[in-house]
Amino acid sequence: MQKLFQDFDSLTIPTSAFIIFESDDFKEHAIDYEGKGTILGDEMVFRDASEPTDIIWENRHFTRA
């Protein structure tokens, strides 16, 4: 266990991030990005996120109001 804490920094390097853009145009620009930027030494790659699937539709209801 002590060895894991010694290597904590190397074990906790972020590998991905979710980015929220203000408009679809900015998102499309990022997805089409072909530059040579890097983050933490790795090449930047942008992909479109999938639609959320964690909505429990049974709990959604609509009223006349």
Protein backbone atom coordinates (compact mmCIF):
# COMPACT_ATOMS: atom_id res chain seq x y z
CA MET A 1 0.00 0.00 0.00
CA GLN A 2 2.83 2.38 0.82
CA LYS A 3 4.32 1.84 -2.66
CA LEU A 4 1.03 2.96 -4.26
CA PHE A 5 1.13 6.23 -2.34
CA GLN A 6 4.72 6.82 -3.48
CA ASP A 7 3.59 6.45 -7.13
CA PHE A 8 0.38 8.48 -6.58
CA ASP A 9 1.31 11.27 -9.03
CA SER A 10 2.01 8.83 -11.85
CA LEU A 11 -1.24 6.94 -11.16
CA THR A 12 -3.48 10.02 -11.19
CA ILE A 13 -2.69 11.60 -14.57
CA PRO A 14 -5.89 12.77 -16.30
CA THR A 15 -6.51 11.04 -19.63
CA SER A 16 -9.66 12.76 -20.88
CA ALA A 17 -11.92 15.74 -20.25
CA PHE A 18 -15.46 16.78 -21.08
CA ILE A 19 -15.67 20.27 -22.56
CA ILE A 20 -18.87 22.27 -22.86
CA PHE A 21 -18.92 24.76 -25.75
CA GLU A 22 -21.17 27.81 -25.98
CA SER A 23 -22.35 26.89 -29.47
CA ASP A 24 -22.31 24.01 -31.93
CA ASP A 25 -19.99 26.02 -34.19
CA PHE A 26 -17.24 25.97 -31.55
CA LYS A 27 -17.76 22.23 -31.05
CA GLU A 28 -17.49 21.54 -34.78
CA HIS A 29 -14.34 23.66 -34.97
CA ALA A 30 -12.75 21.60 -32.17
CA ILE A 31 -13.74 18.28 -33.77
CA ASP A 32 -12.22 19.41 -37.10
CA TYR A 33 -9.02 20.60 -35.34
CA GLU A 34 -5.91 19.36 -37.12
CA GLY A 35 -3.27 21.33 -35.22
CA LYS A 36 -0.35 19.96 -33.31
CA GLY A 37 -1.29 21.02 -29.80
CA THR A 38 -0.41 18.84 -26.83
CA ILE A 39 -1.68 18.48 -23.30
CA LEU A 40 0.59 16.85 -20.71
CA GLY A 41 2.79 15.64 -23.56
CA ASP A 42 0.00 13.89 -25.49
CA GLU A 43 -1.60 15.04 -28.75
CA MET A 44 -5.01 16.72 -28.41
CA VAL A 45 -7.86 14.72 -29.93
CA PHE A 46 -11.47 15.95 -29.90
CA ARG A 47 -14.47 13.65 -30.34
CA ASP A 48 -18.19 14.29 -30.17
CA ALA A 49 -19.76 12.89 -27.01
CA SER A 50 -22.57 10.37 -27.29
CA GLU A 51 -26.08 11.27 -26.25
CA PRO A 52 -26.76 10.77 -22.55
CA THR A 53 -28.23 7.37 -21.74
CA ASP A 54 -28.57 7.71 -17.99
CA ILE A 55 -32.03 9.32 -18.06
CA ILE A 56 -34.62 7.21 -16.29
CA TRP A 57 -37.56 7.84 -18.62
CA GLU A 58 -40.06 6.24 -16.24
CA ASN A 59 -39.47 9.11 -13.80
CA ARG A 60 -40.22 11.80 -16.40
CA HIS A 61 -43.81 12.96 -16.59
CA PHE A 62 -45.72 15.91 -17.94
CA THR A 63 -48.66 17.72 -16.41
CA ARG A 64 -51.17 20.12 -17.96
CA ALA A 65 -49.41 23.00 -16.20
